[in-house]
Amino acid sequence: MSLLRPQLGEHEFVSRVQVQQAQGFQLVAAEDGGQVVAVAGFRILEVLATGRTLYVDDLVTDDTRRSRGYGKAMLDWLQDYAREQGCETFSLDSGTHRQEAHAFYFRERMRVTSFHFAKKLP
């Protein structure tokens, strides 16, 4: 997960995950040969606009293991889990600089359905 969130030290990462767990946040990992190759953090939310949705906070594959099917396997698992949990939609946000990830999501038939706007608060 540090590949995706390098600004977070281990202590802050663990602290944030613990807070999010109270909101239903879960972590799932894919392993190959006993090594973690992909990780996803997600939660199931009730959203007024879209109903019950599985929202992926984080999805990352080890840089050295990309293009081997691990990300697709993780995405497939997450969508299957969403269906099992009665979700109507599956969604995630992706930073504008992550163009390779965007190409992957488009190949997986995901579409841009809205823009996410944010502002740092003092």
PDB file of N, CA and C in Angstrom:
ATOM      1  N   MET A   1       0.828  -1.193   0.000  1.00  0.00           N
ATOM      2  CA  MET A   1       0.000   0.000   0.000  1.00  0.00           C
ATOM      3  C   MET A   1       0.871   1.255   0.000  1.00  0.00           C
ATOM      4  N   SER A   2       2.097   1.128   0.467  1.00  0.00           N
ATOM      5  CA  SER A   2       2.994   2.283   0.494  1.00  0.00           C
ATOM      6  C   SER A   2       3.322   2.767  -0.921  1.00  0.00           C
ATOM      7  N   LEU A   3       3.164   1.914  -1.944  1.00  0.00           N
ATOM      8  CA  LEU A   3       3.364   2.348  -3.322  1.00  0.00           C
ATOM      9  C   LEU A   3       2.335   3.394  -3.718  1.00  0.00           C
ATOM     10  N   LEU A   4       1.125   3.248  -3.212  1.00  0.00           N
ATOM     11  CA  LEU A   4       0.037   4.154  -3.562  1.00  0.00           C
ATOM     12  C   LEU A   4      -0.028   5.364  -2.633  1.00  0.00           C
ATOM     13  N   ARG A   5       0.360   5.162  -1.397  1.00  0.00           N
ATOM     14  CA  ARG A   5       0.280   6.226  -0.393  1.00  0.00           C
ATOM     15  C   ARG A   5       1.648   6.472   0.251  1.00  0.00           C
ATOM     16  N   PRO A   6       2.643   6.883  -0.531  1.00  0.00           N
ATOM     17  CA  PRO A   6       3.994   7.048   0.019  1.00  0.00           C
ATOM     18  C   PRO A   6       4.105   8.158   1.063  1.00  0.00           C
ATOM     19  N   GLN A   7       3.153   9.092   1.067  1.00  0.00           N
ATOM     20  CA  GLN A   7       3.197  10.194   2.016  1.00  0.00           C
ATOM     21  C   GLN A   7       2.827   9.757   3.435  1.00  0.00           C
ATOM     22  N   LEU A   8       2.252   8.567   3.573  1.00  0.00           N
ATOM     23  CA  LEU A   8       1.836   8.090   4.888  1.00  0.00           C
ATOM     24  C   LEU A   8       2.905   7.176   5.486  1.00  0.00           C
ATOM     25  N   GLY A   9       3.337   7.512   6.673  1.00  0.00           N
ATOM     26  CA  GLY A   9       4.215   6.602   7.394  1.00  0.00           C
ATOM     27  C   GLY A   9       3.405   5.430   7.919  1.00  0.00           C
ATOM     28  N   GLU A  10       4.080   4.417   8.392  1.00  0.00           N
ATOM     29  CA  GLU A  10       3.384   3.222   8.878  1.00  0.00           C
ATOM     30  C   GLU A  10       2.403   3.540   9.994  1.00  0.00           C
ATOM     31  N   HIS A  11       2.809   4.366  10.954  1.00  0.00           N
ATOM     32  CA  HIS A  11       1.931   4.693  12.087  1.00  0.00           C
ATOM     33  C   HIS A  11       0.659   5.401  11.617  1.00  0.00           C
ATOM     34  N   GLU A  12       0.816   6.397  10.734  1.00  0.00           N
ATOM     35  CA  GLU A  12      -0.357   7.130  10.265  1.00  0.00           C
ATOM     36  C   GLU A  12      -1.252   6.241   9.410  1.00  0.00           C
ATOM     37  N   PHE A  13      -0.651   5.379   8.591  1.00  0.00           N
ATOM     38  CA  PHE A  13      -1.431   4.450   7.779  1.00  0.00           C
ATOM     39  C   PHE A  13      -2.292   3.562   8.673  1.00  0.00           C
ATOM     40  N   VAL A  14      -1.683   2.945   9.684  1.00  0.00           N
ATOM     41  CA  VAL A  14      -2.409   2.051  10.592  1.00  0.00           C
ATOM     42  C   VAL A  14      -3.498   2.818  11.320  1.00  0.00           C
ATOM     43  N   SER A  15      -3.196   4.025  11.762  1.00  0.00           N
ATOM     44  CA  SER A  15      -4.181   4.844  12.463  1.00  0.00           C
ATOM     45  C   SER A  15      -5.384   5.158  11.581  1.00  0.00           C
ATOM     46  N   ARG A  16      -5.133   5.528  10.334  1.00  0.00           N
ATOM     47  CA  ARG A  16      -6.236   5.844   9.419  1.00  0.00           C
ATOM     48  C   ARG A  16      -7.071   4.604   9.097  1.00  0.00           C
ATOM     49  N   VAL A  17      -6.416   3.480   8.912  1.00  0.00           N
ATOM     50  CA  VAL A  17      -7.149   2.239   8.645  1.00  0.00           C
ATOM     51  C   VAL A  17      -8.036   1.891   9.833  1.00  0.00           C
ATOM     52  N   GLN A  18      -7.539   2.056  11.036  1.00  0.00           N
ATOM     53  CA  GLN A  18      -8.340   1.743  12.222  1.00  0.00           C
ATOM     54  C   GLN A  18      -9.579   2.620  12.295  1.00  0.00           C
ATOM     55  N   VAL A  19      -9.451   3.896  11.973  1.00  0.00           N
ATOM     56  CA  VAL A  19     -10.606   4.802  11.963  1.00  0.00           C
ATOM     57  C   VAL A  19     -11.598   4.360  10.887  1.00  0.00           C
ATOM     58  N   GLN A  20     -11.092   4.041   9.688  1.00  0.00           N
ATOM     59  CA  GLN A  20     -11.973   3.654   8.598  1.00  0.00           C
ATOM     60  C   GLN A  20     -12.648   2.305   8.847  1.00  0.00           C
ATOM     61  N   GLN A  21     -12.014   1.445   9.629  1.00  0.00           N
ATOM     62  CA  GLN A  21     -12.637   0.148   9.919  1.00  0.00           C
ATOM     63  C   GLN A  21     -13.970   0.337  10.632  1.00  0.00           C
ATOM     64  N   ALA A  22     -14.103   1.393  11.409  1.00  0.00           N
ATOM     65  CA  ALA A  22     -15.377   1.688  12.067  1.00  0.00           C
ATOM     66  C   ALA A  22     -16.448   2.039  11.034  1.00  0.00           C
ATOM     67  N   GLN A  23     -16.015   2.404   9.817  1.00  0.00           N
ATOM     68  CA  GLN A  23     -16.934   2.732   8.726  1.00  0.00           C
ATOM     69  C   GLN A  23     -17.078   1.561   7.759  1.00  0.00           C
ATOM     70  N   GLY A  24     -16.612   0.384   8.162  1.00  0.00           N
ATOM     71  CA  GLY A  24     -16.746  -0.805   7.340  1.00  0.00           C
ATOM     72  C   GLY A  24     -15.590  -1.067   6.392  1.00  0.00           C
ATOM     73  N   PHE A  25     -14.510  -0.309   6.521  1.00  0.00           N
ATOM     74  CA  PHE A  25     -13.350  -0.470   5.645  1.00  0.00           C
ATOM     75  C   PHE A  25     -12.731  -1.847   5.824  1.00  0.00           C
ATOM     76  N   GLN A  26     -12.405  -2.473   4.691  1.00  0.00           N
ATOM     77  CA  GLN A  26     -11.756  -3.779   4.701  1.00  0.00           C
ATOM     78  C   GLN A  26     -10.545  -3.749   3.783  1.00  0.00           C
ATOM     79  N   LEU A  27      -9.549  -4.543   4.101  1.00  0.00           N
ATOM     80  CA  LEU A  27      -8.374  -4.708   3.253  1.00  0.00           C
ATOM     81  C   LEU A  27      -8.347  -6.135   2.749  1.00  0.00           C
ATOM     82  N   VAL A  28      -7.986  -6.307   1.495  1.00  0.00           N
ATOM     83  CA  VAL A  28      -7.835  -7.636   0.916  1.00  0.00           C
ATOM     84  C   VAL A  28      -6.540  -7.632   0.111  1.00  0.00           C
ATOM     85  N   ALA A  29      -5.835  -8.748   0.149  1.00  0.00           N
ATOM     86  CA  ALA A  29      -4.564  -8.845  -0.559  1.00  0.00           C
ATOM     87  C   ALA A  29      -4.546 -10.081  -1.443  1.00  0.00           C
ATOM     88  N   ALA A  30      -3.829  -9.981  -2.557  1.00  0.00           N
ATOM     89  CA  ALA A  30      -3.582 -11.124  -3.429  1.00  0.00           C
ATOM     90  C   ALA A  30      -2.122 -11.513  -3.252  1.00  0.00           C
ATOM     91  N   GLU A  31      -1.887 -12.800  -3.131  1.00  0.00           N
ATOM     92  CA  GLU A  31      -0.529 -13.304  -2.949  1.00  0.00           C
ATOM     93  C   GLU A  31      -0.145 -14.227  -4.091  1.00  0.00           C
ATOM     94  N   ASP A  32       1.137 -14.270  -4.359  1.00  0.00           N
ATOM     95  CA  ASP A  32       1.699 -15.212  -5.307  1.00  0.00           C
ATOM     96  C   ASP A  32       3.022 -15.695  -4.717  1.00  0.00           C
ATOM     97  N   GLY A  33       3.122 -16.977  -4.500  1.00  0.00           N
ATOM     98  CA  GLY A  33       4.339 -17.525  -3.913  1.00  0.00           C
ATOM     99  C   GLY A  33       4.622 -16.993  -2.526  1.00  0.00           C
ATOM    100  N   GLY A  34       3.571 -16.691  -1.779  1.00  0.00           N
ATOM    101  CA  GLY A  34       3.739 -16.185  -0.419  1.00  0.00           C
ATOM    102  C   GLY A  34       4.058 -14.703  -0.331  1.00  0.00           C
ATOM    103  N   GLN A  35       4.098 -14.005  -1.465  1.00  0.00           N
ATOM    104  CA  GLN A  35       4.364 -12.572  -1.464  1.00  0.00           C
ATOM    105  C   GLN A  35       3.117 -11.809  -1.891  1.00  0.00           C
ATOM    106  N   VAL A  36       2.851 -10.701  -1.204  1.00  0.00           N
ATOM    107  CA  VAL A  36       1.719  -9.855  -1.564  1.00  0.00           C
ATOM    108  C   VAL A  36       2.035  -9.172  -2.890  1.00  0.00           C
ATOM    109  N   VAL A  37       1.119  -9.310  -3.849  1.00  0.00           N
ATOM    110  CA  VAL A  37       1.323  -8.721  -5.179  1.00  0.00           C
ATOM    111  C   VAL A  37       0.303  -7.632  -5.510  1.00  0.00           C
ATOM    112  N   ALA A  38      -0.821  -7.617  -4.802  1.00  0.00           N
ATOM    113  CA  ALA A  38      -1.844  -6.587  -5.010  1.00  0.00           C
ATOM    114  C   ALA A  38      -2.638  -6.428  -3.714  1.00  0.00           C
ATOM    115  N   VAL A  39      -3.104  -5.199  -3.490  1.00  0.00           N
ATOM    116  CA  VAL A  39      -3.859  -4.884  -2.276  1.00  0.00           C
ATOM    117  C   VAL A  39      -5.012  -3.964  -2.651  1.00  0.00           C
ATOM    118  N   ALA A  40      -6.141  -4.155  -1.974  1.00  0.00           N
ATOM    119  CA  ALA A  40      -7.275  -3.246  -2.155  1.00  0.00           C
ATOM    120  C   ALA A  40      -7.885  -2.935  -0.794  1.00  0.00           C
ATOM    121  N   GLY A  41      -8.281  -1.696  -0.627  1.00  0.00           N
ATOM    122  CA  GLY A  41      -9.033  -1.258   0.542  1.00  0.00           C
ATOM    123  C   GLY A  41     -10.380  -0.786   0.053  1.00  0.00           C
ATOM    124  N   PHE A  42     -11.448  -1.217   0.700  1.00  0.00           N
ATOM    125  CA  PHE A  42     -12.785  -0.899   0.201  1.00  0.00           C
ATOM    126  C   PHE A  42     -13.795  -0.867   1.335  1.00  0.00           C
ATOM    127  N   ARG A  43     -14.962  -0.341   1.016  1.00  0.00           N
ATOM    128  CA  ARG A  43     -16.090  -0.363   1.957  1.00  0.00           C
ATOM    129  C   ARG A  43     -17.392  -0.333   1.174  1.00  0.00           C
ATOM    130  N   ILE A  44     -18.419  -0.782   1.809  1.00  0.00           N
ATOM    131  CA  ILE A  44     -19.745  -0.766   1.198  1.00  0.00           C
ATOM    132  C   ILE A  44     -20.495   0.418   1.781  1.00  0.00           C
ATOM    133  N   LEU A  45     -21.017   1.234   0.886  1.00  0.00           N
ATOM    134  CA  LEU A  45     -21.694   2.472   1.273  1.00  0.00           C
ATOM    135  C   LEU A  45     -23.105   2.512   0.704  1.00  0.00           C
ATOM    136  N   GLU A  46     -23.957   3.211   1.384  1.00  0.00           N
ATOM    137  CA  GLU A  46     -25.276   3.539   0.853  1.00  0.00           C
ATOM    138  C   GLU A  46     -25.183   4.966   0.326  1.00  0.00           C
ATOM    139  N   VAL A  47     -25.307   5.134  -0.991  1.00  0.00           N
ATOM    140  CA  VAL A  47     -25.142   6.431  -1.630  1.00  0.00           C
ATOM    141  C   VAL A  47     -26.474   6.854  -2.223  1.00  0.00           C
ATOM    142  N   LEU A  48     -26.904   8.059  -1.925  1.00  0.00           N
ATOM    143  CA  LEU A  48     -28.201   8.533  -2.394  1.00  0.00           C
ATOM    144  C   LEU A  48     -28.331   8.426  -3.915  1.00  0.00           C
ATOM    145  N   ALA A  49     -27.295   8.816  -4.642  1.00  0.00           N
ATOM    146  CA  ALA A  49     -27.377   8.853  -6.106  1.00  0.00           C
ATOM    147  C   ALA A  49     -27.354   7.477  -6.755  1.00  0.00           C
ATOM    148  N   THR A  50     -26.659   6.519  -6.136  1.00  0.00           N
ATOM    149  CA  THR A  50     -26.453   5.237  -6.811  1.00  0.00           C
ATOM    150  C   THR A  50     -26.894   4.020  -6.020  1.00  0.00           C
ATOM    151  N   GLY A  51     -27.355   4.206  -4.810  1.00  0.00           N
ATOM    152  CA  GLY A  51     -27.757   3.065  -3.988  1.00  0.00           C
ATOM    153  C   GLY A  51     -26.564   2.397  -3.325  1.00  0.00           C
ATOM    154  N   ARG A  52     -26.739   1.134  -3.007  1.00  0.00           N
ATOM    155  CA  ARG A  52     -25.690   0.369  -2.323  1.00  0.00           C
ATOM    156  C   ARG A  52     -24.511   0.168  -3.284  1.00  0.00           C
ATOM    157  N   THR A  53     -23.333   0.587  -2.855  1.00  0.00           N
ATOM    158  CA  THR A  53     -22.164   0.508  -3.722  1.00  0.00           C
ATOM    159  C   THR A  53     -20.945   0.014  -2.967  1.00  0.00           C
ATOM    160  N   LEU A  54     -20.131  -0.735  -3.657  1.00  0.00           N
ATOM    161  CA  LEU A  54     -18.824  -1.071  -3.113  1.00  0.00           C
ATOM    162  C   LEU A  54     -17.876  -0.017  -3.655  1.00  0.00           C
ATOM    163  N   TYR A  55     -17.293   0.759  -2.747  1.00  0.00           N
ATOM    164  CA  TYR A  55     -16.373   1.832  -3.106  1.00  0.00           C
ATOM    165  C   TYR A  55     -14.954   1.390  -2.773  1.00  0.00           C
ATOM    166  N   VAL A  56     -14.090   1.438  -3.779  1.00  0.00           N
ATOM    167  CA  VAL A  56     -12.689   1.069  -3.606  1.00  0.00           C
ATOM    168  C   VAL A  56     -11.900   2.326  -3.257  1.00  0.00           C
ATOM    169  N   ASP A  57     -11.392   2.368  -2.040  1.00  0.00           N
ATOM    170  CA  ASP A  57     -10.550   3.484  -1.612  1.00  0.00           C
ATOM    171  C   ASP A  57      -9.169   3.391  -2.256  1.00  0.00           C
ATOM    172  N   ASP A  58      -8.643   2.187  -2.316  1.00  0.00           N
ATOM    173  CA  ASP A  58      -7.283   1.976  -2.795  1.00  0.00           C
ATOM    174  C   ASP A  58      -7.203   0.644  -3.529  1.00  0.00           C
ATOM    175  N   LEU A  59      -6.492   0.648  -4.637  1.00  0.00           N
ATOM    176  CA  LEU A  59      -6.216  -0.580  -5.384  1.00  0.00           C
ATOM    177  C   LEU A  59      -4.839  -0.419  -6.001  1.00  0.00           C
ATOM    178  N   VAL A  60      -3.932  -1.306  -5.654  1.00  0.00           N
ATOM    179  CA  VAL A  60      -2.563  -1.175  -6.156  1.00  0.00           C
ATOM    180  C   VAL A  60      -1.943  -2.551  -6.353  1.00  0.00           C
ATOM    181  N   THR A  61      -1.154  -2.647  -7.418  1.00  0.00           N
ATOM    182  CA  THR A  61      -0.370  -3.847  -7.697  1.00  0.00           C
ATOM    183  C   THR A  61       1.103  -3.476  -7.565  1.00  0.00           C
ATOM    184  N   ASP A  62       1.888  -4.371  -7.028  1.00  0.00           N
ATOM    185  CA  ASP A  62       3.326  -4.162  -6.900  1.00  0.00           C
ATOM    186  C   ASP A  62       3.895  -3.738  -8.256  1.00  0.00           C
ATOM    187  N   ASP A  63       4.673  -2.662  -8.264  1.00  0.00           N
ATOM    188  CA  ASP A  63       5.258  -2.138  -9.506  1.00  0.00           C
ATOM    189  C   ASP A  63       5.978  -3.202 -10.319  1.00  0.00           C
ATOM    190  N   THR A  64       6.649  -4.107  -9.640  1.00  0.00           N
ATOM    191  CA  THR A  64       7.440  -5.124 -10.340  1.00  0.00           C
ATOM    192  C   THR A  64       6.588  -6.290 -10.834  1.00  0.00           C
ATOM    193  N   ARG A  65       5.296  -6.287 -10.499  1.00  0.00           N
ATOM    194  CA  ARG A  65       4.409  -7.402 -10.872  1.00  0.00           C
ATOM    195  C   ARG A  65       3.247  -6.976 -11.753  1.00  0.00           C
ATOM    196  N   ARG A  66       3.304  -5.770 -12.292  1.00  0.00           N
ATOM    197  CA  ARG A  66       2.205  -5.284 -13.123  1.00  0.00           C
ATOM    198  C   ARG A  66       2.135  -6.035 -14.438  1.00  0.00           C
ATOM    199  N   SER A  67       0.956  -6.008 -15.044  1.00  0.00           N
ATOM    200  CA  SER A  67       0.679  -6.645 -16.349  1.00  0.00           C
ATOM    201  C   SER A  67       0.798  -8.165 -16.286  1.00  0.00           C
ATOM    202  N   ARG A  68       0.520  -8.732 -15.129  1.00  0.00           N
ATOM    203  CA  ARG A  68       0.513 -10.192 -14.977  1.00  0.00           C
ATOM    204  C   ARG A  68      -0.865 -10.714 -14.578  1.00  0.00           C
ATOM    205  N   GLY A  69      -1.867  -9.818 -14.568  1.00  0.00           N
ATOM    206  CA  GLY A  69      -3.226 -10.246 -14.276  1.00  0.00           C
ATOM    207  C   GLY A  69      -3.663 -10.095 -12.830  1.00  0.00           C
ATOM    208  N   TYR A  70      -2.763  -9.634 -11.958  1.00  0.00           N
ATOM    209  CA  TYR A  70      -3.122  -9.514 -10.538  1.00  0.00           C
ATOM    210  C   TYR A  70      -4.165  -8.427 -10.303  1.00  0.00           C
ATOM    211  N   GLY A  71      -4.007  -7.283 -10.972  1.00  0.00           N
ATOM    212  CA  GLY A  71      -4.987  -6.204 -10.826  1.00  0.00           C
ATOM    213  C   GLY A  71      -6.352  -6.620 -11.333  1.00  0.00           C
ATOM    214  N   LYS A  72      -6.395  -7.296 -12.472  1.00  0.00           N
ATOM    215  CA  LYS A  72      -7.665  -7.776 -13.017  1.00  0.00           C
ATOM    216  C   LYS A  72      -8.309  -8.782 -12.076  1.00  0.00           C
ATOM    217  N   ALA A  73      -7.503  -9.696 -11.541  1.00  0.00           N
ATOM    218  CA  ALA A  73      -8.039 -10.680 -10.600  1.00  0.00           C
ATOM    219  C   ALA A  73      -8.613  -9.993  -9.369  1.00  0.00           C
ATOM    220  N   MET A  74      -7.923  -8.970  -8.878  1.00  0.00           N
ATOM    221  CA  MET A  74      -8.409  -8.233  -7.713  1.00  0.00           C
ATOM    222  C   MET A  74      -9.698  -7.498  -8.049  1.00  0.00           C
ATOM    223  N   LEU A  75      -9.738  -6.828  -9.193  1.00  0.00           N
ATOM    224  CA  LEU A  75     -10.937  -6.110  -9.612  1.00  0.00           C
ATOM    225  C   LEU A  75     -12.111  -7.066  -9.781  1.00  0.00           C
ATOM    226  N   ASP A  76     -11.875  -8.225 -10.391  1.00  0.00           N
ATOM    227  CA  ASP A  76     -12.925  -9.231 -10.556  1.00  0.00           C
ATOM    228  C   ASP A  76     -13.439  -9.713  -9.206  1.00  0.00           C
ATOM    229  N   TRP A  77     -12.514  -9.978  -8.281  1.00  0.00           N
ATOM    230  CA  TRP A  77     -12.917 -10.441  -6.951  1.00  0.00           C
ATOM    231  C   TRP A  77     -13.769  -9.393  -6.253  1.00  0.00           C
ATOM    232  N   LEU A  78     -13.332  -8.143  -6.315  1.00  0.00           N
ATOM    233  CA  LEU A  78     -14.077  -7.056  -5.669  1.00  0.00           C
ATOM    234  C   LEU A  78     -15.487  -6.935  -6.241  1.00  0.00           C
ATOM    235  N   GLN A  79     -15.623  -7.049  -7.563  1.00  0.00           N
ATOM    236  CA  GLN A  79     -16.944  -6.946  -8.182  1.00  0.00           C
ATOM    237  C   GLN A  79     -17.827  -8.141  -7.822  1.00  0.00           C
ATOM    238  N   ASP A  80     -17.246  -9.322  -7.772  1.00  0.00           N
ATOM    239  CA  ASP A  80     -18.009 -10.499  -7.345  1.00  0.00           C
ATOM    240  C   ASP A  80     -18.477 -10.335  -5.902  1.00  0.00           C
ATOM    241  N   TYR A  81     -17.594  -9.841  -5.046  1.00  0.00           N
ATOM    242  CA  TYR A  81     -17.946  -9.612  -3.644  1.00  0.00           C
ATOM    243  C   TYR A  81     -19.068  -8.577  -3.546  1.00  0.00           C
ATOM    244  N   ALA A  82     -18.979  -7.523  -4.360  1.00  0.00           N
ATOM    245  CA  ALA A  82     -20.026  -6.489  -4.362  1.00  0.00           C
ATOM    246  C   ALA A  82     -21.382  -7.098  -4.718  1.00  0.00           C
ATOM    247  N   ARG A  83     -21.394  -7.950  -5.722  1.00  0.00           N
ATOM    248  CA  ARG A  83     -22.651  -8.613  -6.102  1.00  0.00           C
ATOM    249  C   ARG A  83     -23.187  -9.471  -4.960  1.00  0.00           C
ATOM    250  N   GLU A  84     -22.300 -10.238  -4.319  1.00  0.00           N
ATOM    251  CA  GLU A  84     -22.710 -11.084  -3.188  1.00  0.00           C
ATOM    252  C   GLU A  84     -23.302 -10.262  -2.054  1.00  0.00           C
ATOM    253  N   GLN A  85     -22.829  -9.025  -1.895  1.00  0.00           N
ATOM    254  CA  GLN A  85     -23.302  -8.150  -0.825  1.00  0.00           C
ATOM    255  C   GLN A  85     -24.509  -7.311  -1.232  1.00  0.00           C
ATOM    256  N   GLY A  86     -25.046  -7.575  -2.416  1.00  0.00           N
ATOM    257  CA  GLY A  86     -26.248  -6.873  -2.865  1.00  0.00           C
ATOM    258  C   GLY A  86     -25.999  -5.461  -3.361  1.00  0.00           C
ATOM    259  N   CYS A  87     -24.788  -5.176  -3.785  1.00  0.00           N
ATOM    260  CA  CYS A  87     -24.479  -3.834  -4.285  1.00  0.00           C
ATOM    261  C   CYS A  87     -25.047  -3.640  -5.686  1.00  0.00           C
ATOM    262  N   GLU A  88     -25.506  -2.417  -5.920  1.00  0.00           N
ATOM    263  CA  GLU A  88     -26.027  -2.046  -7.229  1.00  0.00           C
ATOM    264  C   GLU A  88     -24.933  -1.461  -8.113  1.00  0.00           C
ATOM    265  N   THR A  89     -23.912  -0.888  -7.493  1.00  0.00           N
ATOM    266  CA  THR A  89     -22.829  -0.267  -8.248  1.00  0.00           C
ATOM    267  C   THR A  89     -21.484  -0.585  -7.611  1.00  0.00           C
ATOM    268  N   PHE A  90     -20.461  -0.347  -8.407  1.00  0.00           N
ATOM    269  CA  PHE A  90     -19.063  -0.548  -8.017  1.00  0.00           C
ATOM    270  C   PHE A  90     -18.331   0.704  -8.459  1.00  0.00           C
ATOM    271  N   SER A  91     -17.591   1.345  -7.562  1.00  0.00           N
ATOM    272  CA  SER A  91     -16.958   2.603  -7.950  1.00  0.00           C
ATOM    273  C   SER A  91     -15.615   2.807  -7.258  1.00  0.00           C
ATOM    274  N   LEU A  92     -14.844   3.690  -7.866  1.00  0.00           N
ATOM    275  CA  LEU A  92     -13.563   4.094  -7.288  1.00  0.00           C
ATOM    276  C   LEU A  92     -13.182   5.437  -7.868  1.00  0.00           C
ATOM    277  N   ASP A  93     -12.294   6.127  -7.205  1.00  0.00           N
ATOM    278  CA  ASP A  93     -11.684   7.346  -7.722  1.00  0.00           C
ATOM    279  C   ASP A  93     -10.246   7.014  -8.056  1.00  0.00           C
ATOM    280  N   SER A  94      -9.699   7.724  -9.017  1.00  0.00           N
ATOM    281  CA  SER A  94      -8.309   7.510  -9.395  1.00  0.00           C
ATOM    282  C   SER A  94      -7.678   8.863  -9.678  1.00  0.00           C
ATOM    283  N   GLY A  95      -6.521   9.109  -9.091  1.00  0.00           N
ATOM    284  CA  GLY A  95      -5.831  10.380  -9.276  1.00  0.00           C
ATOM    285  C   GLY A  95      -5.604  10.676 -10.748  1.00  0.00           C
ATOM    286  N   THR A  96      -5.701  11.945 -11.110  1.00  0.00           N
ATOM    287  CA  THR A  96      -5.585  12.340 -12.502  1.00  0.00           C
ATOM    288  C   THR A  96      -4.232  11.988 -13.106  1.00  0.00           C
ATOM    289  N   HIS A  97      -3.219  11.833 -12.290  1.00  0.00           N
ATOM    290  CA  HIS A  97      -1.872  11.513 -12.781  1.00  0.00           C
ATOM    291  C   HIS A  97      -1.669  10.020 -13.051  1.00  0.00           C
ATOM    292  N   ARG A  98      -2.627   9.186 -12.694  1.00  0.00           N
ATOM    293  CA  ARG A  98      -2.468   7.729 -12.809  1.00  0.00           C
ATOM    294  C   ARG A  98      -3.003   7.214 -14.150  1.00  0.00           C
ATOM    295  N   GLN A  99      -2.426   7.680 -15.230  1.00  0.00           N
ATOM    296  CA  GLN A  99      -2.949   7.370 -16.558  1.00  0.00           C
ATOM    297  C   GLN A  99      -2.890   5.884 -16.904  1.00  0.00           C
ATOM    298  N   GLU A 100      -1.880   5.177 -16.454  1.00  0.00           N
ATOM    299  CA  GLU A 100      -1.826   3.736 -16.720  1.00  0.00           C
ATOM    300  C   GLU A 100      -2.968   3.017 -16.013  1.00  0.00           C
ATOM    301  N   ALA A 101      -3.286   3.453 -14.803  1.00  0.00           N
ATOM    302  CA  ALA A 101      -4.424   2.870 -14.094  1.00  0.00           C
ATOM    303  C   ALA A 101      -5.719   3.159 -14.846  1.00  0.00           C
ATOM    304  N   HIS A 102      -5.833   4.369 -15.372  1.00  0.00           N
ATOM    305  CA  HIS A 102      -7.052   4.727 -16.105  1.00  0.00           C
ATOM    306  C   HIS A 102      -7.218   3.850 -17.340  1.00  0.00           C
ATOM    307  N   ALA A 103      -6.139   3.607 -18.049  1.00  0.00           N
ATOM    308  CA  ALA A 103      -6.202   2.730 -19.224  1.00  0.00           C
ATOM    309  C   ALA A 103      -6.678   1.339 -18.815  1.00  0.00           C
ATOM    310  N   PHE A 104      -6.188   0.845 -17.682  1.00  0.00           N
ATOM    311  CA  PHE A 104      -6.611  -0.456 -17.153  1.00  0.00           C
ATOM    312  C   PHE A 104      -8.107  -0.447 -16.839  1.00  0.00           C
ATOM    313  N   TYR A 105      -8.589   0.596 -16.164  1.00  0.00           N
ATOM    314  CA  TYR A 105     -10.013   0.653 -15.813  1.00  0.00           C
ATOM    315  C   TYR A 105     -10.892   0.715 -17.063  1.00  0.00           C
ATOM    316  N   PHE A 106     -10.449   1.464 -18.071  1.00  0.00           N
ATOM    317  CA  PHE A 106     -11.206   1.509 -19.322  1.00  0.00           C
ATOM    318  C   PHE A 106     -11.240   0.133 -19.980  1.00  0.00           C
ATOM    319  N   ARG A 107     -10.120  -0.576 -19.978  1.00  0.00           N
ATOM    320  CA  ARG A 107     -10.102  -1.936 -20.554  1.00  0.00           C
ATOM    321  C   ARG A 107     -11.061  -2.855 -19.812  1.00  0.00           C
ATOM    322  N   GLU A 108     -11.259  -2.584 -18.534  1.00  0.00           N
ATOM    323  CA  GLU A 108     -12.164  -3.399 -17.715  1.00  0.00           C
ATOM    324  C   GLU A 108     -13.605  -2.894 -17.772  1.00  0.00           C
ATOM    325  N   ARG A 109     -13.892  -2.057 -18.748  1.00  0.00           N
ATOM    326  CA  ARG A 109     -15.236  -1.561 -19.039  1.00  0.00           C
ATOM    327  C   ARG A 109     -15.791  -0.630 -17.971  1.00  0.00           C
ATOM    328  N   MET A 110     -14.922   0.003 -17.209  1.00  0.00           N
ATOM    329  CA  MET A 110     -15.358   1.031 -16.274  1.00  0.00           C
ATOM    330  C   MET A 110     -15.399   2.347 -17.039  1.00  0.00           C
ATOM    331  N   ARG A 111     -16.274   3.222 -16.630  1.00  0.00           N
ATOM    332  CA  ARG A 111     -16.441   4.508 -17.301  1.00  0.00           C
ATOM    333  C   ARG A 111     -16.381   5.651 -16.305  1.00  0.00           C
ATOM    334  N   VAL A 112     -15.966   6.809 -16.798  1.00  0.00           N
ATOM    335  CA  VAL A 112     -15.980   8.026 -15.986  1.00  0.00           C
ATOM    336  C   VAL A 112     -17.427   8.488 -15.913  1.00  0.00           C
ATOM    337  N   THR A 113     -17.985   8.497 -14.708  1.00  0.00           N
ATOM    338  CA  THR A 113     -19.394   8.875 -14.546  1.00  0.00           C
ATOM    339  C   THR A 113     -19.560  10.209 -13.829  1.00  0.00           C
ATOM    340  N   SER A 114     -18.478  10.731 -13.263  1.00  0.00           N
ATOM    341  CA  SER A 114     -18.541  12.030 -12.598  1.00  0.00           C
ATOM    342  C   SER A 114     -17.118  12.526 -12.373  1.00  0.00           C
ATOM    343  N   PHE A 115     -17.002  13.767 -11.979  1.00  0.00           N
ATOM    344  CA  PHE A 115     -15.716  14.333 -11.588  1.00  0.00           C
ATOM    345  C   PHE A 115     -15.716  14.466 -10.070  1.00  0.00           C
ATOM    346  N   HIS A 116     -14.592  14.214  -9.469  1.00  0.00           N
ATOM    347  CA  HIS A 116     -14.443  14.360  -8.030  1.00  0.00           C
ATOM    348  C   HIS A 116     -13.653  15.637  -7.790  1.00  0.00           C
ATOM    349  N   PHE A 117     -14.221  16.562  -7.071  1.00  0.00           N
ATOM    350  CA  PHE A 117     -13.549  17.827  -6.767  1.00  0.00           C
ATOM    351  C   PHE A 117     -13.121  17.824  -5.312  1.00  0.00           C
ATOM    352  N   ALA A 118     -11.970  18.412  -5.046  1.00  0.00           N
ATOM    353  CA  ALA A 118     -11.458  18.444  -3.668  1.00  0.00           C
ATOM    354  C   ALA A 118     -10.723  19.741  -3.434  1.00  0.00           C
ATOM    355  N   LYS A 119     -10.630  20.112  -2.168  1.00  0.00           N
ATOM    356  CA  LYS A 119      -9.930  21.321  -1.774  1.00  0.00           C
ATOM    357  C   LYS A 119      -9.311  21.100  -0.399  1.00  0.00           C
ATOM    358  N   LYS A 120      -8.053  21.389  -0.260  1.00  0.00           N
ATOM    359  CA  LYS A 120      -7.398  21.315   1.045  1.00  0.00           C
ATOM    360  C   LYS A 120      -7.946  22.426   1.926  1.00  0.00           C
ATOM    361  N   LEU A 121      -8.245  22.111   3.151  1.00  0.00           N
ATOM    362  CA  LEU A 121      -8.753  23.111   4.095  1.00  0.00           C
ATOM    363  C   LEU A 121      -7.647  23.514   5.065  1.00  0.00           C
ATOM    364  N   PRO A 122      -7.557  24.799   5.345  1.00  0.00           N
ATOM    365  CA  PRO A 122      -6.513  25.269   6.284  1.00  0.00           C
ATOM    366  C   PRO A 122      -6.827  24.825   7.698  1.00  0.00           C
TER     367      PRO A 122
END
